Amino acid sequence: MEDDPTFRFYAENAAIYAARTSESSRFRLDRFLLKLKPGAEILELGCGNGRDSASMMERGFRVMPTDGTPEMADEAEKRLSVPVRVLRFEDIDAVDAFDGVWANACLLHVPRSDLGGILAGIHSALRSGGIFYASFKAGAAEGFDDLGRYYNYPSREWLNAVYETRHWASIDIDETHGGAYDDRPTDWLHVTAVKG
């Protein structure tokens, strides 16, 4: 893992990344939580500095915060004062365990060839009727940004086709224009899927 430039970036910049106070996902998070019952169980993937897990916990949801980078998990633990599990996406093995999965700006680092398998693991982890949110930087071909991080940069059509390999009751893809950690203009794809 240490030779993976994306993993290395987050390991080496965990404290700086965690110190950011952006509230960019608040609108999306509110919409996600409104679809869940009070006290629902939520798995957060790529929790980063723990900001979104903290917000969900404050609202009474039962949250399992996780991150694939031990250094980022340590930073999130400082904020949350609860254990943050180090969990790589390919190691998701829960079955019918969660009412929701929140994956804000993290699955965009999954190689295109691996994304279908990761989505299958998430699908299995959700209970029937479970809600899954993920966001991706839009593009036409996978590649690296100026900071050396890998991105799958999917098109809406490509992403929808990968999701459709599993049985979802609904798949909604919303497109927005905004920014990101690198302060570059960014086209985003926001996917909300409901397990059938």
N, C-alpha and C. Protein backbone atom coordinates (compact mmCIF):
# COMPACT_ATOMS: atom_id res chain seq x y z
N MET A 1 0.82 -1.20 0.00
CA MET A 1 0.00 0.00 0.00
C MET A 1 0.86 1.26 0.00
N GLU A 2 2.01 1.20 0.68
CA GLU A 2 2.86 2.38 0.79
C GLU A 2 3.34 2.88 -0.57
N ASP A 3 3.38 1.97 -1.60
CA ASP A 3 3.82 2.40 -2.91
C ASP A 3 2.67 2.95 -3.76
N ASP A 4 1.46 2.96 -3.21
CA ASP A 4 0.30 3.55 -3.88
C ASP A 4 0.34 5.06 -3.64
N PRO A 5 0.49 5.88 -4.70
CA PRO A 5 0.64 7.33 -4.49
C PRO A 5 -0.57 7.98 -3.82
N THR A 6 -1.77 7.47 -4.07
CA THR A 6 -2.96 8.04 -3.45
C THR A 6 -2.96 7.74 -1.95
N PHE A 7 -2.69 6.49 -1.60
CA PHE A 7 -2.61 6.10 -0.19
C PHE A 7 -1.52 6.92 0.51
N ARG A 8 -0.38 7.05 -0.15
CA ARG A 8 0.74 7.78 0.43
C ARG A 8 0.39 9.26 0.66
N PHE A 9 -0.35 9.85 -0.28
CA PHE A 9 -0.75 11.25 -0.12
C PHE A 9 -1.56 11.44 1.16
N TYR A 10 -2.55 10.58 1.37
CA TYR A 10 -3.40 10.75 2.56
C TYR A 10 -2.65 10.40 3.84
N ALA A 11 -1.74 9.44 3.76
CA ALA A 11 -0.94 9.10 4.94
C ALA A 11 -0.05 10.27 5.34
N GLU A 12 0.60 10.88 4.35
CA GLU A 12 1.55 11.95 4.63
C GLU A 12 0.88 13.29 4.95
N ASN A 13 -0.36 13.47 4.49
CA ASN A 13 -1.05 14.74 4.68
C ASN A 13 -2.27 14.64 5.58
N ALA A 14 -2.32 13.59 6.40
CA ALA A 14 -3.51 13.35 7.22
C ALA A 14 -3.85 14.52 8.13
N ALA A 15 -2.86 15.07 8.84
CA ALA A 15 -3.13 16.16 9.77
C ALA A 15 -3.61 17.41 9.04
N ILE A 16 -2.97 17.73 7.91
CA ILE A 16 -3.37 18.91 7.12
C ILE A 16 -4.78 18.72 6.57
N TYR A 17 -5.03 17.54 6.03
CA TYR A 17 -6.34 17.24 5.45
C TYR A 17 -7.42 17.29 6.53
N ALA A 18 -7.11 16.75 7.70
CA ALA A 18 -8.08 16.70 8.78
C ALA A 18 -8.41 18.09 9.33
N ALA A 19 -7.47 19.02 9.19
CA ALA A 19 -7.67 20.37 9.73
C ALA A 19 -8.62 21.20 8.89
N ARG A 20 -8.92 20.76 7.68
CA ARG A 20 -9.85 21.51 6.83
C ARG A 20 -11.24 21.51 7.43
N THR A 21 -11.93 22.63 7.34
CA THR A 21 -13.24 22.77 7.98
C THR A 21 -14.38 22.91 6.97
N SER A 22 -14.15 22.49 5.75
CA SER A 22 -15.17 22.60 4.71
C SER A 22 -16.47 21.92 5.13
N GLU A 23 -17.58 22.53 4.78
CA GLU A 23 -18.90 21.96 5.04
C GLU A 23 -19.60 21.59 3.73
N SER A 24 -18.82 21.29 2.72
CA SER A 24 -19.36 21.11 1.37
C SER A 24 -20.40 20.00 1.25
N SER A 25 -20.36 18.99 2.09
CA SER A 25 -21.28 17.87 1.93
C SER A 25 -22.55 18.02 2.76
N ARG A 26 -22.72 19.14 3.48
CA ARG A 26 -23.86 19.29 4.39
C ARG A 26 -25.20 19.09 3.69
N PHE A 27 -25.40 19.72 2.54
CA PHE A 27 -26.66 19.60 1.81
C PHE A 27 -26.92 18.15 1.42
N ARG A 28 -25.90 17.49 0.88
CA ARG A 28 -26.05 16.08 0.48
C ARG A 28 -26.30 15.19 1.68
N LEU A 29 -25.60 15.46 2.78
CA LEU A 29 -25.77 14.66 3.98
C LEU A 29 -27.18 14.80 4.53
N ASP A 30 -27.70 16.01 4.56
CA ASP A 30 -29.07 16.23 5.04
C ASP A 30 -30.07 15.44 4.21
N ARG A 31 -29.91 15.46 2.90
CA ARG A 31 -30.82 14.71 2.02
C ARG A 31 -30.73 13.21 2.26
N PHE A 32 -29.51 12.73 2.47
CA PHE A 32 -29.28 11.30 2.74
C PHE A 32 -29.97 10.89 4.05
N LEU A 33 -29.76 11.67 5.09
CA LEU A 33 -30.31 11.31 6.41
C LEU A 33 -31.83 11.38 6.45
N LEU A 34 -32.42 12.27 5.66
CA LEU A 34 -33.88 12.36 5.63
C LEU A 34 -34.53 11.09 5.08
N LYS A 35 -33.76 10.30 4.34
CA LYS A 35 -34.28 9.05 3.78
C LYS A 35 -34.21 7.88 4.77
N LEU A 36 -33.57 8.12 5.92
CA LEU A 36 -33.36 7.06 6.91
C LEU A 36 -34.23 7.28 8.15
N LYS A 37 -34.55 6.18 8.82
CA LYS A 37 -35.31 6.28 10.06
C LYS A 37 -34.40 6.76 11.19
N PRO A 38 -34.96 7.43 12.20
CA PRO A 38 -34.15 7.86 13.35
C PRO A 38 -33.40 6.67 13.96
N GLY A 39 -32.14 6.88 14.28
CA GLY A 39 -31.35 5.82 14.90
C GLY A 39 -30.84 4.76 13.96
N ALA A 40 -31.00 4.97 12.65
CA ALA A 40 -30.56 3.98 11.67
C ALA A 40 -29.06 3.74 11.79
N GLU A 41 -28.62 2.56 11.35
CA GLU A 41 -27.21 2.19 11.38
C GLU A 41 -26.56 2.56 10.05
N ILE A 42 -25.46 3.32 10.13
CA ILE A 42 -24.80 3.84 8.94
C ILE A 42 -23.33 3.47 8.94
N LEU A 43 -22.85 2.99 7.81
CA LEU A 43 -21.43 2.77 7.59
C LEU A 43 -20.89 3.95 6.81
N GLU A 44 -19.89 4.65 7.37
CA GLU A 44 -19.24 5.69 6.58
C GLU A 44 -17.92 5.17 6.07
N LEU A 45 -17.73 5.24 4.76
CA LEU A 45 -16.48 4.86 4.13
C LEU A 45 -15.66 6.11 3.87
N GLY A 46 -14.34 6.01 4.04
CA GLY A 46 -13.48 7.16 3.79
C GLY A 46 -13.88 8.37 4.61
N CYS A 47 -13.97 8.20 5.92
CA CYS A 47 -14.51 9.26 6.78
C CYS A 47 -13.60 10.47 6.90
N GLY A 48 -12.34 10.35 6.45
CA GLY A 48 -11.45 11.50 6.50
C GLY A 48 -11.28 12.05 7.91
N ASN A 49 -11.60 13.33 8.09
CA ASN A 49 -11.42 13.94 9.42
C ASN A 49 -12.58 13.67 10.38
N GLY A 50 -13.57 12.90 9.93
CA GLY A 50 -14.68 12.52 10.81
C GLY A 50 -15.82 13.52 10.85
N ARG A 51 -15.74 14.55 10.03
CA ARG A 51 -16.75 15.62 10.04
C ARG A 51 -18.17 15.08 9.84
N ASP A 52 -18.37 14.25 8.81
CA ASP A 52 -19.72 13.78 8.52
C ASP A 52 -20.21 12.78 9.55
N SER A 53 -19.31 11.90 10.02
CA SER A 53 -19.70 10.97 11.09
C SER A 53 -20.14 11.73 12.33
N ALA A 54 -19.41 12.79 12.67
CA ALA A 54 -19.77 13.60 13.84
C ALA A 54 -21.17 14.17 13.69
N SER A 55 -21.47 14.69 12.52
CA SER A 55 -22.79 15.27 12.27
C SER A 55 -23.89 14.21 12.39
N MET A 56 -23.63 13.03 11.84
CA MET A 56 -24.63 11.95 11.92
C MET A 56 -24.84 11.49 13.36
N MET A 57 -23.75 11.37 14.11
CA MET A 57 -23.86 10.95 15.50
C MET A 57 -24.62 11.97 16.34
N GLU A 58 -24.36 13.25 16.08
CA GLU A 58 -25.05 14.31 16.80
C GLU A 58 -26.56 14.25 16.58
N ARG A 59 -26.97 13.70 15.46
CA ARG A 59 -28.40 13.59 15.14
C ARG A 59 -28.99 12.26 15.59
N GLY A 60 -28.21 11.47 16.30
CA GLY A 60 -28.74 10.25 16.89
C GLY A 60 -28.62 9.00 16.05
N PHE A 61 -27.89 9.06 14.95
CA PHE A 61 -27.69 7.86 14.14
C PHE A 61 -26.54 7.03 14.71
N ARG A 62 -26.62 5.72 14.51
CA ARG A 62 -25.55 4.82 14.95
C ARG A 62 -24.58 4.66 13.78
N VAL A 63 -23.40 5.18 13.94
CA VAL A 63 -22.46 5.27 12.83
C VAL A 63 -21.20 4.45 13.08
N MET A 64 -20.76 3.74 12.03
CA MET A 64 -19.45 3.08 12.06
C MET A 64 -18.54 3.86 11.13
N PRO A 65 -17.70 4.75 11.66
CA PRO A 65 -16.77 5.50 10.81
C PRO A 65 -15.58 4.64 10.44
N THR A 66 -15.18 4.69 9.17
CA THR A 66 -14.03 3.92 8.71
C THR A 66 -13.21 4.76 7.73
N ASP A 67 -11.94 4.42 7.62
CA ASP A 67 -11.09 5.03 6.60
C ASP A 67 -10.03 4.01 6.22
N GLY A 68 -9.59 4.05 4.98
CA GLY A 68 -8.60 3.08 4.51
C GLY A 68 -7.18 3.42 4.89
N THR A 69 -6.95 4.63 5.39
CA THR A 69 -5.60 5.07 5.76
C THR A 69 -5.50 5.17 7.28
N PRO A 70 -4.61 4.41 7.91
CA PRO A 70 -4.50 4.45 9.37
C PRO A 70 -4.29 5.85 9.93
N GLU A 71 -3.51 6.66 9.24
CA GLU A 71 -3.25 8.02 9.72
C GLU A 71 -4.51 8.88 9.70
N MET A 72 -5.35 8.69 8.69
CA MET A 72 -6.61 9.43 8.65
C MET A 72 -7.56 8.91 9.72
N ALA A 73 -7.59 7.60 9.92
CA ALA A 73 -8.44 7.03 10.97
C ALA A 73 -8.05 7.59 12.33
N ASP A 74 -6.75 7.75 12.58
CA ASP A 74 -6.28 8.33 13.84
C ASP A 74 -6.78 9.77 14.00
N GLU A 75 -6.72 10.54 12.93
CA GLU A 75 -7.20 11.93 12.99
C GLU A 75 -8.70 11.98 13.28
N ALA A 76 -9.46 11.08 12.65
CA ALA A 76 -10.91 11.05 12.88
C ALA A 76 -11.22 10.64 14.32
N GLU A 77 -10.45 9.71 14.87
CA GLU A 77 -10.66 9.29 16.26
C GLU A 77 -10.48 10.46 17.23
N LYS A 78 -9.53 11.33 16.94
CA LYS A 78 -9.31 12.49 17.79
C LYS A 78 -10.56 13.37 17.82
N ARG A 79 -11.20 13.49 16.70
CA ARG A 79 -12.40 14.34 16.60
C ARG A 79 -13.62 13.66 17.21
N LEU A 80 -13.76 12.37 16.96
CA LEU A 80 -14.98 11.66 17.32
C LEU A 80 -14.97 11.04 18.72
N SER A 81 -13.79 10.79 19.23
CA SER A 81 -13.64 10.11 20.54
C SER A 81 -14.31 8.75 20.56
N VAL A 82 -14.35 8.09 19.41
CA VAL A 82 -14.80 6.70 19.28
C VAL A 82 -13.84 6.00 18.35
N PRO A 83 -13.75 4.67 18.42
CA PRO A 83 -12.85 3.95 17.52
C PRO A 83 -13.24 4.16 16.05
N VAL A 84 -12.24 4.36 15.22
CA VAL A 84 -12.46 4.45 13.77
C VAL A 84 -11.71 3.29 13.14
N ARG A 85 -12.47 2.41 12.52
CA ARG A 85 -11.89 1.20 11.94
C ARG A 85 -11.13 1.51 10.66
N VAL A 86 -9.95 0.92 10.53
CA VAL A 86 -9.21 1.01 9.27
C VAL A 86 -9.80 -0.05 8.35
N LEU A 87 -10.45 0.40 7.29
CA LEU A 87 -11.16 -0.51 6.39
C LEU A 87 -10.92 -0.10 4.94
N ARG A 88 -10.26 -0.97 4.21
CA ARG A 88 -10.09 -0.77 2.76
C ARG A 88 -11.39 -1.19 2.08
N PHE A 89 -11.73 -0.54 0.99
CA PHE A 89 -12.99 -0.83 0.33
C PHE A 89 -13.13 -2.30 -0.05
N GLU A 90 -12.04 -2.90 -0.50
CA GLU A 90 -12.11 -4.29 -0.94
C GLU A 90 -12.30 -5.27 0.23
N ASP A 91 -12.17 -4.78 1.46
CA ASP A 91 -12.33 -5.64 2.63
C ASP A 91 -13.71 -5.54 3.27
N ILE A 92 -14.64 -4.84 2.66
CA ILE A 92 -16.01 -4.77 3.18
C ILE A 92 -16.61 -6.16 3.08
N ASP A 93 -16.98 -6.73 4.23
CA ASP A 93 -17.52 -8.09 4.22
C ASP A 93 -18.81 -8.25 5.02
N ALA A 94 -19.40 -7.13 5.45
CA ALA A 94 -20.65 -7.18 6.20
C ALA A 94 -21.79 -7.63 5.28
N VAL A 95 -22.80 -8.26 5.86
CA VAL A 95 -23.97 -8.71 5.10
C VAL A 95 -25.24 -8.25 5.82
N ASP A 96 -26.09 -7.53 5.11
CA ASP A 96 -27.37 -7.04 5.67
C ASP A 96 -27.17 -6.37 7.03
N ALA A 97 -26.16 -5.53 7.14
CA ALA A 97 -25.78 -4.96 8.43
C ALA A 97 -26.12 -3.49 8.61
N PHE A 98 -26.35 -2.76 7.51
CA PHE A 98 -26.51 -1.31 7.61
C PHE A 98 -27.76 -0.82 6.87
N ASP A 99 -28.34 0.25 7.43
CA ASP A 99 -29.48 0.90 6.78
C ASP A 99 -29.01 1.92 5.75
N GLY A 100 -27.77 2.38 5.92
CA GLY A 100 -27.22 3.36 5.00
C GLY A 100 -25.72 3.23 4.88
N VAL A 101 -25.19 3.57 3.72
CA VAL A 101 -23.75 3.66 3.51
C VAL A 101 -23.47 5.03 2.92
N TRP A 102 -22.60 5.78 3.59
CA TRP A 102 -22.22 7.13 3.17
C TRP A 102 -20.78 7.08 2.69
N ALA A 103 -20.56 7.42 1.42
CA ALA A 103 -19.22 7.34 0.83
C ALA A 103 -18.96 8.63 0.06
N ASN A 104 -18.78 9.71 0.80
CA ASN A 104 -18.59 11.02 0.18
C ASN A 104 -17.14 11.17 -0.30
N ALA A 105 -16.98 11.40 -1.60
CA ALA A 105 -15.67 11.70 -2.20
C ALA A 105 -14.56 10.74 -1.78
N CYS A 106 -14.86 9.44 -1.84
CA CYS A 106 -13.81 8.45 -1.53
C CYS A 106 -13.74 7.33 -2.57
N LEU A 107 -14.88 6.83 -3.05
CA LEU A 107 -14.86 5.77 -4.05
C LEU A 107 -14.31 6.26 -5.38
N LEU A 108 -14.14 7.56 -5.51
CA LEU A 108 -13.54 8.13 -6.72
C LEU A 108 -12.09 7.73 -6.89
N HIS A 109 -11.49 7.15 -5.82
CA HIS A 109 -10.10 6.68 -5.90
C HIS A 109 -10.00 5.19 -6.27
N VAL A 110 -11.14 4.51 -6.41
CA VAL A 110 -11.13 3.08 -6.73
C VAL A 110 -10.84 2.89 -8.23
N PRO A 111 -9.86 2.06 -8.59
CA PRO A 111 -9.62 1.81 -10.01
C PRO A 111 -10.89 1.36 -10.72
N ARG A 112 -11.08 1.82 -11.93
CA ARG A 112 -12.30 1.47 -12.67
C ARG A 112 -12.53 -0.03 -12.71
N SER A 113 -11.46 -0.79 -12.89
CA SER A 113 -11.59 -2.25 -13.00
C SER A 113 -12.06 -2.89 -11.69
N ASP A 114 -11.93 -2.19 -10.57
CA ASP A 114 -12.31 -2.74 -9.27
C ASP A 114 -13.64 -2.22 -8.75
N LEU A 115 -14.18 -1.17 -9.38
CA LEU A 115 -15.35 -0.51 -8.80
C LEU A 115 -16.57 -1.42 -8.72
N GLY A 116 -16.80 -2.24 -9.74
CA GLY A 116 -17.95 -3.14 -9.71
C GLY A 116 -17.92 -4.07 -8.51
N GLY A 117 -16.76 -4.63 -8.20
CA GLY A 117 -16.63 -5.51 -7.04
C GLY A 117 -16.85 -4.78 -5.73
N ILE A 118 -16.37 -3.54 -5.63
CA ILE A 118 -16.56 -2.74 -4.43
C ILE A 118 -18.04 -2.44 -4.24
N LEU A 119 -18.72 -2.07 -5.32
CA LEU A 119 -20.15 -1.79 -5.22
C LEU A 119 -20.93 -3.04 -4.82
N ALA A 120 -20.48 -4.21 -5.26
CA ALA A 120 -21.13 -5.46 -4.86
C ALA A 120 -21.01 -5.67 -3.35
N GLY A 121 -19.82 -5.37 -2.79
CA GLY A 121 -19.63 -5.50 -1.35
C GLY A 121 -20.51 -4.54 -0.57
N ILE A 122 -20.65 -3.33 -1.06
CA ILE A 122 -21.50 -2.34 -0.41
C ILE A 122 -22.96 -2.78 -0.49
N HIS A 123 -23.36 -3.26 -1.65
CA HIS A 123 -24.73 -3.76 -1.84
C HIS A 123 -25.04 -4.85 -0.82
N SER A 124 -24.11 -5.79 -0.63
CA SER A 124 -24.30 -6.88 0.33
C SER A 124 -24.39 -6.36 1.77
N ALA A 125 -23.63 -5.31 2.07
CA ALA A 125 -23.61 -4.77 3.43
C ALA A 125 -24.90 -4.07 3.81
N LEU A 126 -25.64 -3.62 2.80
CA LEU A 126 -26.89 -2.91 3.07
C LEU A 126 -28.05 -3.87 3.31
N ARG A 127 -28.96 -3.45 4.17
CA ARG A 127 -30.22 -4.16 4.35
C ARG A 127 -31.16 -3.80 3.20
N SER A 128 -32.19 -4.60 2.99
CA SER A 128 -33.17 -4.30 1.96
C SER A 128 -33.76 -2.91 2.20
N GLY A 129 -33.83 -2.11 1.16
CA GLY A 129 -34.32 -0.74 1.30
C GLY A 129 -33.26 0.24 1.76
N GLY A 130 -32.03 -0.25 1.96
CA GLY A 130 -30.95 0.61 2.42
C GLY A 130 -30.55 1.66 1.41
N ILE A 131 -30.03 2.79 1.92
CA ILE A 131 -29.66 3.92 1.09
C ILE A 131 -28.14 4.02 0.98
N PHE A 132 -27.66 4.22 -0.23
CA PHE A 132 -26.21 4.32 -0.49
C PHE A 132 -25.93 5.60 -1.26
N TYR A 133 -25.08 6.46 -0.68
CA TYR A 133 -24.68 7.69 -1.35
C TYR A 133 -23.18 7.66 -1.61
N ALA A 134 -22.79 8.08 -2.81
CA ALA A 134 -21.37 8.23 -3.15
C ALA A 134 -21.22 9.37 -4.14
N SER A 135 -20.06 10.01 -4.11
CA SER A 135 -19.80 11.10 -5.06
C SER A 135 -18.48 10.85 -5.78
N PHE A 136 -18.45 11.30 -7.03
CA PHE A 136 -17.32 11.06 -7.91
C PHE A 136 -16.98 12.34 -8.68
N LYS A 137 -15.71 12.54 -8.97
CA LYS A 137 -15.32 13.61 -9.89
C LYS A 137 -15.56 13.09 -11.32
N ALA A 138 -16.34 13.84 -12.08
CA ALA A 138 -16.71 13.41 -13.42
C ALA A 138 -15.55 13.58 -14.40
N GLY A 139 -15.57 12.75 -15.43
CA GLY A 139 -14.54 12.84 -16.46
C GLY A 139 -14.80 11.85 -17.57
N ALA A 140 -13.80 11.65 -18.39
CA ALA A 140 -13.93 10.74 -19.52
C ALA A 140 -12.99 9.54 -19.44
N ALA A 141 -11.90 9.68 -18.67
CA ALA A 141 -10.92 8.60 -18.57
C ALA A 141 -10.20 8.70 -17.23
N GLU A 142 -9.87 7.54 -16.66
CA GLU A 142 -9.17 7.52 -15.38
C GLU A 142 -7.79 8.17 -15.50
N GLY A 143 -7.28 8.68 -14.38
CA GLY A 143 -5.98 9.32 -14.41
C GLY A 143 -5.60 9.89 -13.05
N PHE A 144 -4.57 10.73 -13.03
CA PHE A 144 -4.06 11.29 -11.79
C PHE A 144 -4.22 12.81 -11.79
N ASP A 145 -4.43 13.38 -10.58
CA ASP A 145 -4.50 14.84 -10.49
C ASP A 145 -3.11 15.41 -10.26
N ASP A 146 -3.02 16.73 -10.09
CA ASP A 146 -1.73 17.40 -9.93
C ASP A 146 -1.04 17.06 -8.61
N LEU A 147 -1.79 16.48 -7.68
CA LEU A 147 -1.21 16.08 -6.39
C LEU A 147 -0.77 14.62 -6.39
N GLY A 148 -0.93 13.95 -7.53
CA GLY A 148 -0.50 12.56 -7.65
C GLY A 148 -1.52 11.54 -7.22
N ARG A 149 -2.77 11.96 -7.00
CA ARG A 149 -3.81 11.03 -6.56
C ARG A 149 -4.54 10.44 -7.76
N TYR A 150 -4.81 9.14 -7.70
CA TYR A 150 -5.56 8.47 -8.77
C TYR A 150 -7.05 8.78 -8.64
N TYR A 151 -7.71 9.00 -9.78
CA TYR A 151 -9.16 9.16 -9.84
C TYR A 151 -9.73 8.32 -10.98
N ASN A 152 -10.92 7.75 -10.76
CA ASN A 152 -11.55 6.98 -11.83
C ASN A 152 -12.29 7.87 -12.84
N TYR A 153 -12.56 9.12 -12.51
CA TYR A 153 -13.16 10.11 -13.42
C TYR A 153 -14.21 9.51 -14.36
N PRO A 154 -15.33 9.01 -13.81
CA PRO A 154 -16.34 8.39 -14.68
C PRO A 154 -17.25 9.41 -15.36
N SER A 155 -17.84 8.99 -16.46
CA SER A 155 -18.95 9.74 -17.05
C SER A 155 -20.23 9.25 -16.37
N ARG A 156 -21.28 10.01 -16.48
CA ARG A 156 -22.56 9.60 -15.90
C ARG A 156 -23.00 8.25 -16.47
N GLU A 157 -22.85 8.08 -17.78
CA GLU A 157 -23.29 6.85 -18.45
C GLU A 157 -22.48 5.64 -17.97
N TRP A 158 -21.15 5.81 -17.89
CA TRP A 158 -20.29 4.71 -17.46
C TRP A 158 -20.62 4.32 -16.03
N LEU A 159 -20.79 5.31 -15.16
CA LEU A 159 -21.07 5.04 -13.75
C LEU A 159 -22.41 4.34 -13.58
N ASN A 160 -23.43 4.79 -14.30
CA ASN A 160 -24.74 4.17 -14.21
C ASN A 160 -24.67 2.70 -14.64
N ALA A 161 -23.90 2.41 -15.67
CA ALA A 161 -23.77 1.04 -16.15
C ALA A 161 -23.11 0.14 -15.10
N VAL A 162 -22.12 0.66 -14.37
CA VAL A 162 -21.46 -0.13 -13.33
C VAL A 162 -22.43 -0.39 -12.18
N TYR A 163 -23.18 0.60 -11.79
CA TYR A 163 -24.17 0.41 -10.72
C TYR A 163 -25.22 -0.61 -11.12
N GLU A 164 -25.61 -0.59 -12.37
CA GLU A 164 -26.70 -1.47 -12.82
C GLU A 164 -26.32 -2.95 -12.83
N THR A 165 -25.07 -3.28 -12.53
CA THR A 165 -24.70 -4.69 -12.44
C THR A 165 -25.24 -5.32 -11.15
N ARG A 166 -25.74 -4.52 -10.21
CA ARG A 166 -26.38 -5.01 -8.98
C ARG A 166 -27.86 -4.67 -9.05
N HIS A 167 -28.66 -5.31 -8.17
CA HIS A 167 -30.10 -5.02 -8.16
C HIS A 167 -30.38 -3.87 -7.20
N TRP A 168 -30.60 -2.70 -7.75
CA TRP A 168 -31.00 -1.52 -6.98
C TRP A 168 -32.45 -1.20 -7.33
N ALA A 169 -33.24 -0.83 -6.33
CA ALA A 169 -34.62 -0.42 -6.60
C ALA A 169 -34.62 0.88 -7.37
N SER A 170 -33.62 1.73 -7.12
CA SER A 170 -33.50 2.99 -7.86
C SER A 170 -32.05 3.46 -7.83
N ILE A 171 -31.65 4.16 -8.88
CA ILE A 171 -30.33 4.78 -8.98
C ILE A 171 -30.55 6.20 -9.49
N ASP A 172 -30.18 7.17 -8.69
CA ASP A 172 -30.34 8.57 -9.08
C ASP A 172 -28.96 9.23 -9.15
N ILE A 173 -28.64 9.80 -10.30
CA ILE A 173 -27.35 10.47 -10.47
C ILE A 173 -27.59 11.95 -10.75
N ASP A 174 -27.03 12.78 -9.89
CA ASP A 174 -27.18 14.23 -9.97
C ASP A 174 -25.82 14.83 -10.32
N GLU A 175 -25.79 15.82 -11.18
CA GLU A 175 -24.55 16.46 -11.59
C GLU A 175 -24.47 17.89 -11.05
N THR A 176 -23.31 18.26 -10.49
CA THR A 176 -23.10 19.63 -10.02
C THR A 176 -21.71 20.09 -10.41
N HIS A 177 -21.50 21.40 -10.31
CA HIS A 177 -20.18 21.98 -10.55
C HIS A 177 -19.74 22.65 -9.26
N GLY A 178 -18.51 22.40 -8.86
CA GLY A 178 -18.02 22.99 -7.61
C GLY A 178 -16.51 22.95 -7.53
N GLY A 179 -16.00 22.76 -6.32
CA GLY A 179 -14.56 22.71 -6.10
C GLY A 179 -14.17 21.44 -5.37
N ALA A 180 -12.91 21.40 -4.93
CA ALA A 180 -12.39 20.23 -4.23
C ALA A 180 -11.17 20.65 -3.42
N TYR A 181 -10.52 19.67 -2.80
CA TYR A 181 -9.35 19.92 -1.95
C TYR A 181 -8.24 20.66 -2.69
N ASP A 182 -8.09 20.38 -3.98
CA ASP A 182 -7.02 21.01 -4.75
C ASP A 182 -7.40 22.41 -5.27
N ASP A 183 -8.59 22.89 -4.87
CA ASP A 183 -9.08 24.22 -5.26
C ASP A 183 -9.23 24.38 -6.77
N ARG A 184 -9.43 23.28 -7.47
CA ARG A 184 -9.66 23.33 -8.92
C ARG A 184 -11.16 23.22 -9.19
N PRO A 185 -11.68 23.89 -10.22
CA PRO A 185 -13.08 23.71 -10.60
C PRO A 185 -13.33 22.23 -10.90
N THR A 186 -14.43 21.70 -10.39
CA THR A 186 -14.67 20.25 -10.47
C THR A 186 -16.12 19.96 -10.83
N ASP A 187 -16.33 19.07 -11.78
CA ASP A 187 -17.66 18.56 -12.08
C ASP A 187 -17.86 17.30 -11.24
N TRP A 188 -18.97 17.26 -10.52
CA TRP A 188 -19.24 16.16 -9.60
C TRP A 188 -20.45 15.35 -10.04
N LEU A 189 -20.39 14.06 -9.79
CA LEU A 189 -21.54 13.15 -9.95
C LEU A 189 -21.91 12.63 -8.57
N HIS A 190 -23.16 12.82 -8.18
CA HIS A 190 -23.65 12.38 -6.88
C HIS A 190 -24.65 11.26 -7.12
N VAL A 191 -24.34 10.08 -6.57
CA VAL A 191 -25.19 8.91 -6.81
C VAL A 191 -25.88 8.48 -5.52
N THR A 192 -27.20 8.38 -5.59
CA THR A 192 -27.98 7.83 -4.48
C THR A 192 -28.70 6.60 -5.00
N ALA A 193 -28.42 5.45 -4.39
CA ALA A 193 -29.03 4.20 -4.82
C ALA A 193 -29.76 3.56 -3.64
N VAL A 194 -30.88 2.93 -3.93
CA VAL A 194 -31.67 2.25 -2.91
C VAL A 194 -31.64 0.76 -3.21
N LYS A 195 -31.27 -0.04 -2.21
CA LYS A 195 -31.20 -1.49 -2.42
C LYS A 195 -32.58 -2.09 -2.54
N GLY A 196 -32.77 -2.92 -3.56
CA GLY A 196 -34.06 -3.57 -3.79
C GLY A 196 -34.32 -4.71 -2.82
